Protein backbone atom coordinates (compact mmCIF):
# COMPACT_ATOMS: atom_id res chain seq x y z
CA UNK A 1 -4.47 -4.71 -0.93
CA UNK A 2 -2.80 -2.42 -1.97
CA UNK A 3 -4.54 1.37 -3.09
CA UNK A 4 -3.14 2.87 -6.90
CA UNK A 5 -2.64 6.79 -7.09
CA UNK A 6 -3.47 8.98 -9.56
CA UNK A 7 -4.96 6.00 -11.80
CA UNK A 8 -4.27 7.19 -15.43
CA UNK A 9 -6.60 5.80 -18.62
CA UNK A 10 -4.56 6.64 -21.90
CA UNK A 11 -7.48 8.16 -24.72
CA UNK A 12 -7.01 7.06 -28.48
CA UNK A 13 -5.76 11.01 -29.25
CA UNK A 14 -2.31 9.86 -26.33
CA UNK A 15 -3.79 12.74 -23.30
CA UNK A 16 -3.70 10.89 -20.21
CA UNK A 17 -7.27 10.93 -18.50
CA UNK A 18 -8.11 10.42 -15.05
CA UNK A 19 -10.91 8.01 -14.11
CA UNK A 20 -12.91 10.13 -11.99
CA UNK A 21 -15.78 7.77 -11.01
CA UNK A 22 -14.27 6.11 -7.88
CA UNK A 23 -11.49 8.76 -7.44
CA UNK A 24 -11.48 10.56 -4.71
CA UNK A 25 -9.56 14.21 -4.01
CA UNK A 26 -7.22 13.78 -1.66
CA UNK A 27 -4.90 16.87 -0.32
CA UNK A 28 -2.50 15.63 3.08
CA UNK A 29 0.42 16.18 4.79
CA UNK A 30 2.87 13.22 4.41
CA UNK A 31 6.66 13.20 6.42
CA UNK A 32 6.23 17.16 6.00
CA UNK A 33 5.29 17.67 2.66
CA UNK A 34 2.06 18.40 1.26
CA UNK A 35 0.84 15.90 -1.53
CA UNK A 36 -1.96 16.37 -3.12
CA UNK A 37 -3.57 13.02 -5.56
CA UNK A 38 -6.74 11.21 -6.22
CA UNK A 39 -7.07 7.55 -5.17
CA UNK A 40 -9.63 5.13 -5.11
CA UNK A 41 -9.18 4.40 -1.84
CA UNK A 42 -11.26 4.96 0.93
CA UNK A 43 -10.33 8.18 2.56
CA UNK A 44 -10.26 6.61 5.46
CA UNK A 45 -7.37 4.71 4.60
CA UNK A 46 -5.88 7.53 2.99
CA UNK A 47 -5.50 8.44 6.74
CA UNK A 48 -4.53 4.96 8.03
CA UNK A 49 -2.01 5.00 5.38
CA UNK A 50 -0.45 8.57 6.41
CA UNK A 51 -0.11 7.57 10.11
CA UNK A 52 1.81 4.38 9.82
CA UNK A 53 4.24 6.24 7.53
CA UNK A 54 4.48 9.08 10.10
CA UNK A 55 4.11 6.77 13.03
CA UNK A 56 7.09 4.20 11.32
CA UNK A 57 9.34 7.04 10.54
CA UNK A 58 9.53 8.57 14.05
CA UNK A 59 10.66 5.47 14.97
CA UNK A 60 13.58 5.21 12.34
CA UNK A 61 14.52 8.99 13.57
CA UNK A 62 14.20 7.95 17.11
CA UNK A 63 16.81 4.86 16.68
CA UNK A 64 18.88 6.63 13.74
CA UNK A 65 21.21 8.91 15.39
CA UNK A 66 22.14 10.99 12.63
CA UNK A 67 21.30 9.36 9.44
CA UNK A 68 19.58 11.77 7.42
CA UNK A 69 15.87 12.61 5.65
CA UNK A 70 16.30 9.85 2.75
CA UNK A 71 18.71 7.50 3.98
CA UNK A 72 15.13 7.23 6.57
CA UNK A 73 13.32 7.12 4.39
CA UNK A 74 15.03 4.32 2.38
CA UNK A 75 15.01 2.54 4.96
CA UNK A 76 10.68 2.93 5.91
CA UNK A 77 10.47 1.89 1.82
CA UNK A 78 12.63 -1.15 2.59
CA UNK A 79 10.87 -1.91 5.92
CA UNK A 80 7.52 -1.60 3.79
CA UNK A 81 8.53 -3.55 0.73
CA UNK A 82 9.90 -6.27 3.15
CA UNK A 83 6.54 -6.11 5.31
CA UNK A 84 4.74 -6.98 1.14
CA UNK A 85 6.41 -9.25 0.60
CA UNK A 86 5.93 -11.11 4.06
CA UNK A 87 2.02 -10.63 3.63
CA UNK A 88 2.38 -11.91 0.22
CA UNK A 89 4.10 -15.13 1.36
CA UNK A 90 1.80 -15.60 4.22
CA UNK A 91 -1.29 -15.40 1.92
CA UNK A 92 0.22 -17.56 -0.57
CA UNK A 93 0.61 -20.34 1.92
CA UNK A 94 -2.83 -19.40 3.40
CA UNK A 95 -4.77 -20.12 0.27
CA UNK A 96 -2.67 -23.33 -0.59
CA UNK A 97 -4.10 -24.92 2.59
CA UNK A 98 -7.00 -23.38 2.14
CA UNK A 99 -6.77 -25.52 -1.81
CA UNK A 100 -6.13 -28.45 0.25
CA UNK A 101 -8.50 -28.64 2.74
CA UNK A 102 -11.06 -27.55 0.16
CA UNK A 103 -10.00 -31.08 -1.90
CA UNK A 104 -10.33 -33.16 1.18
CA UNK A 105 -13.58 -31.62 1.90
CA UNK A 106 -14.53 -32.69 -1.96
CA UNK A 107 -13.62 -36.30 -1.55
CA UNK A 108 -15.23 -36.78 1.31
CA UNK A 109 -18.38 -35.39 0.07
CA UNK A 110 -18.02 -36.90 -3.32
């Protein structure tokens, strides 16, 4: 499941407030940049996400030759977006198959 960084709520006065009950503060280095933010995600998952970015960026940088950091980051974003789309398609197929199986079970049991 995706995690939301900086989940913001609007107060009646129009000022932004951060929902703090479930939010964890994080400060970590991601691809050479220090980031501070709040997120609902478990801190271990944030660390795993950072490690995934570092690993994939390193792989792209090794094979990307003389590409700029901006282009490498664009390729990284495109790769991650493609992964999300593939997983959404797979989940949709799995959900459809489960509904079909449940329907078959209900027909037999009913």
